[in-house]
N, C-alpha and C. Protein backbone atom coordinates (compact mmCIF):
# COMPACT_ATOMS: atom_id res chain seq x y z
N MET A 1 18.33 -68.00 -8.05
CA MET A 1 18.86 -67.26 -6.94
C MET A 1 20.25 -66.50 -7.41
N THR A 2 20.59 -66.80 -7.82
CA THR A 2 22.69 -66.53 -8.49
C THR A 2 21.90 -65.55 -8.36
N TYR A 3 21.54 -65.21 -10.04
CA TYR A 3 21.12 -63.41 -10.20
C TYR A 3 20.83 -62.54 -9.33
N LEU A 4 19.45 -62.98 -8.51
CA LEU A 4 19.97 -61.94 -7.06
C LEU A 4 21.17 -61.40 -6.16
N VAL A 5 22.00 -62.71 -5.85
CA VAL A 5 23.09 -62.56 -5.33
C VAL A 5 23.89 -61.54 -5.72
N ASN A 6 23.49 -61.64 -7.40
CA ASN A 6 25.14 -61.12 -7.98
C ASN A 6 24.52 -60.06 -8.44
N ARG A 7 23.21 -59.39 -9.01
CA ARG A 7 22.42 -58.71 -8.41
C ARG A 7 22.43 -57.59 -6.97
N PHE A 8 23.07 -58.58 -5.93
CA PHE A 8 23.13 -57.27 -4.96
C PHE A 8 24.58 -57.20 -4.58
N ILE A 9 25.82 -58.00 -6.07
CA ILE A 9 27.03 -57.25 -4.65
C ILE A 9 27.08 -56.01 -5.55
N PHE A 10 26.68 -56.15 -6.91
CA PHE A 10 26.99 -55.10 -7.80
C PHE A 10 26.40 -53.69 -7.31
N TYR A 11 25.27 -53.60 -6.62
CA TYR A 11 25.34 -52.30 -5.70
C TYR A 11 25.62 -52.37 -4.50
N LYS A 12 25.88 -53.12 -4.24
CA LYS A 12 26.56 -53.37 -2.93
C LYS A 12 29.10 -52.94 -3.12
N ALA A 13 28.75 -52.88 -4.90
CA ALA A 13 30.38 -52.92 -4.52
C ALA A 13 29.98 -50.89 -5.18
N GLN A 14 28.42 -50.68 -5.33
CA GLN A 14 28.82 -49.69 -6.28
C GLN A 14 28.86 -48.22 -5.67
N ILE A 15 28.57 -48.79 -4.15
CA ILE A 15 28.76 -48.16 -2.78
C ILE A 15 30.00 -47.61 -1.94
N ALA A 16 30.78 -49.04 -2.32
CA ALA A 16 32.19 -48.78 -2.49
C ALA A 16 32.32 -47.74 -2.94
N LYS A 17 32.26 -47.94 -4.46
CA LYS A 17 32.48 -47.26 -5.92
C LYS A 17 32.11 -45.48 -5.16
N MET A 18 31.18 -45.42 -4.73
CA MET A 18 31.05 -43.58 -4.92
C MET A 18 32.02 -42.90 -3.94
N VAL A 19 32.30 -41.56 -4.71
CA VAL A 19 34.12 -40.23 -4.44
C VAL A 19 33.05 -39.76 -2.78
N LYS A 20 33.27 -40.05 -2.05
CA LYS A 20 32.87 -39.73 -0.23
C LYS A 20 33.47 -38.21 -0.85
N SER A 21 31.89 -37.31 -0.46
CA SER A 21 31.69 -35.61 0.09
C SER A 21 31.32 -35.43 0.96
N ASP A 22 31.94 -34.35 1.97
CA ASP A 22 31.08 -34.03 2.62
C ASP A 22 30.28 -33.05 2.11
N SER A 23 29.86 -32.47 1.52
CA SER A 23 28.35 -31.47 0.93
C SER A 23 27.62 -32.59 0.89
N TYR A 24 26.73 -31.58 2.25
CA TYR A 24 25.34 -32.57 1.94
C TYR A 24 23.92 -32.03 1.32
N ASP A 25 24.68 -31.56 -0.09
CA ASP A 25 23.38 -31.69 -1.27
C ASP A 25 24.42 -33.17 -1.65
N SER A 26 25.62 -33.47 -2.15
CA SER A 26 26.44 -34.80 -2.13
C SER A 26 25.57 -35.72 -1.92
N LYS A 27 26.12 -35.63 -0.76
CA LYS A 27 25.81 -37.19 -0.10
C LYS A 27 24.18 -37.64 0.07
N LEU A 28 22.65 -36.16 -0.02
CA LEU A 28 22.41 -36.56 -0.07
C LEU A 28 21.56 -37.29 -1.43
N SER A 29 21.85 -36.01 -2.61
CA SER A 29 22.39 -36.90 -4.03
C SER A 29 22.40 -38.66 -4.19
N GLN A 30 23.59 -38.82 -3.50
CA GLN A 30 24.13 -39.89 -3.24
C GLN A 30 23.25 -41.70 -3.15
N ALA A 31 22.78 -40.89 -1.18
CA ALA A 31 21.18 -41.47 -0.90
C ALA A 31 20.30 -41.99 -1.30
N ARG A 32 19.77 -41.09 -1.94
CA ARG A 32 18.34 -41.01 -3.00
C ARG A 32 18.11 -42.10 -4.39
N GLY A 33 20.44 -42.19 -5.04
CA GLY A 33 20.23 -42.68 -6.03
C GLY A 33 20.16 -44.11 -5.93
N LEU A 34 21.26 -44.49 -3.93
CA LEU A 34 21.19 -45.99 -4.35
C LEU A 34 19.76 -46.39 -3.83
N ALA A 35 18.75 -45.78 -2.81
CA ALA A 35 17.26 -46.05 -2.29
C ALA A 35 16.85 -46.52 -3.90
N SER A 36 17.07 -45.30 -4.54
CA SER A 36 16.14 -45.51 -5.66
C SER A 36 16.72 -46.58 -6.37
N GLN A 37 17.49 -47.40 -6.93
CA GLN A 37 18.59 -48.45 -7.15
C GLN A 37 17.98 -49.34 -6.47
N LEU A 38 18.03 -50.02 -5.68
CA LEU A 38 17.87 -50.81 -4.55
C LEU A 38 16.17 -51.03 -4.27
N GLY A 39 15.84 -49.84 -4.51
CA GLY A 39 13.74 -49.39 -4.47
C GLY A 39 13.43 -50.28 -5.70
N MET A 40 13.66 -50.51 -6.69
CA MET A 40 13.78 -51.21 -8.06
C MET A 40 14.36 -52.51 -7.83
N PHE A 41 14.50 -52.56 -6.65
CA PHE A 41 15.58 -54.82 -7.16
C PHE A 41 14.33 -54.93 -5.91
N ALA A 42 14.17 -54.08 -4.72
CA ALA A 42 12.59 -54.48 -3.78
C ALA A 42 11.51 -54.94 -4.67
N GLU A 43 10.86 -53.69 -5.76
CA GLU A 43 9.73 -54.44 -6.45
C GLU A 43 10.05 -55.02 -6.86
N GLU A 44 10.99 -55.54 -8.26
CA GLU A 44 11.36 -56.71 -8.20
C GLU A 44 11.23 -57.81 -8.12
N ASN A 45 12.11 -57.53 -7.09
CA ASN A 45 11.74 -59.33 -6.22
C ASN A 45 10.91 -60.16 -5.11
N ASP A 46 9.84 -58.43 -5.20
CA ASP A 46 8.65 -58.94 -4.66
C ASP A 46 9.14 -58.85 -2.34
N ILE A 47 10.29 -57.79 -2.08
CA ILE A 47 10.91 -57.57 -1.06
C ILE A 47 9.76 -57.39 -0.27
N PRO A 48 9.34 -57.87 0.75
CA PRO A 48 8.32 -57.15 2.13
C PRO A 48 8.81 -55.52 2.51
N LYS A 49 7.51 -55.26 1.73
CA LYS A 49 7.29 -53.37 2.63
C LYS A 49 8.35 -52.91 3.78
N ASP A 50 7.98 -53.79 4.70
CA ASP A 50 8.42 -53.31 6.03
C ASP A 50 10.28 -53.49 5.87
N LEU A 51 10.56 -54.32 5.38
CA LEU A 51 12.19 -54.41 4.95
C LEU A 51 12.43 -53.91 4.37
N TRP A 52 11.45 -53.11 3.13
CA TRP A 52 12.59 -52.21 2.27
C TRP A 52 12.58 -51.10 3.22
N ASP A 53 11.36 -50.27 4.20
CA ASP A 53 11.57 -49.52 4.68
C ASP A 53 12.96 -49.23 5.34
N SER A 54 12.47 -50.58 6.27
CA SER A 54 14.05 -50.32 6.93
C SER A 54 15.69 -50.77 6.67
N LEU A 55 15.28 -50.56 5.14
CA LEU A 55 16.04 -51.10 4.87
C LEU A 55 17.02 -49.15 4.37
N GLU A 56 16.03 -48.57 3.33
CA GLU A 56 16.04 -47.22 2.72
C GLU A 56 16.11 -46.41 3.95
N ALA A 57 15.91 -47.02 5.31
CA ALA A 57 16.10 -46.02 6.63
C ALA A 57 17.97 -45.85 6.67
N THR A 58 18.03 -47.09 6.46
CA THR A 58 19.52 -47.26 6.30
C THR A 58 20.74 -46.90 6.12
N ILE A 59 20.00 -46.60 4.67
CA ILE A 59 20.44 -46.24 3.54
C ILE A 59 20.49 -44.64 4.25
N TYR A 60 20.24 -43.65 4.31
CA TYR A 60 19.85 -43.01 4.12
C TYR A 60 20.64 -41.88 6.13
N ASP A 61 20.92 -43.01 6.90
CA ASP A 61 21.29 -43.04 8.68
C ASP A 61 22.53 -43.02 7.90
N PHE A 62 23.28 -44.20 6.69
CA PHE A 62 24.44 -44.23 6.58
C PHE A 62 25.31 -42.99 5.67
N TYR A 63 24.78 -41.87 5.20
CA TYR A 63 25.08 -41.21 4.17
C TYR A 63 24.66 -40.10 5.32
N GLN A 64 24.10 -40.12 6.77
CA GLN A 64 23.72 -38.70 7.84
C GLN A 64 23.30 -37.80 6.56
N VAL A 65 22.22 -38.43 6.40
CA VAL A 65 21.11 -36.96 5.69
C VAL A 65 19.21 -38.27 6.58
N SER A 66 18.83 -36.31 5.69
CA SER A 66 17.66 -36.59 6.54
C SER A 66 16.45 -37.67 5.33
N HIS A 67 16.13 -38.19 5.98
CA HIS A 67 15.16 -39.63 4.62
C HIS A 67 13.62 -38.71 4.90
N ASP A 68 13.39 -37.94 5.59
CA ASP A 68 12.59 -36.84 5.23
C ASP A 68 11.80 -36.42 4.05
N ARG A 69 10.71 -36.68 2.90
CA ARG A 69 10.99 -36.27 1.45
C ARG A 69 10.23 -35.43 2.01
């Protein structure tokens, strides 16, 4: 359990370190990168699909980019 908490804190720290940019492409790239990393975390830890989908949508909303693929 401690390992999971530490990984979550690591990912949260990465969000804080990301350089803010007004470029849509830059924001989209950052959102995709974070969603990808957290997606791997979700798969490794058997996080339910509906919870992951909600988290992924929240990431794209945070960066104010479209999450259509």
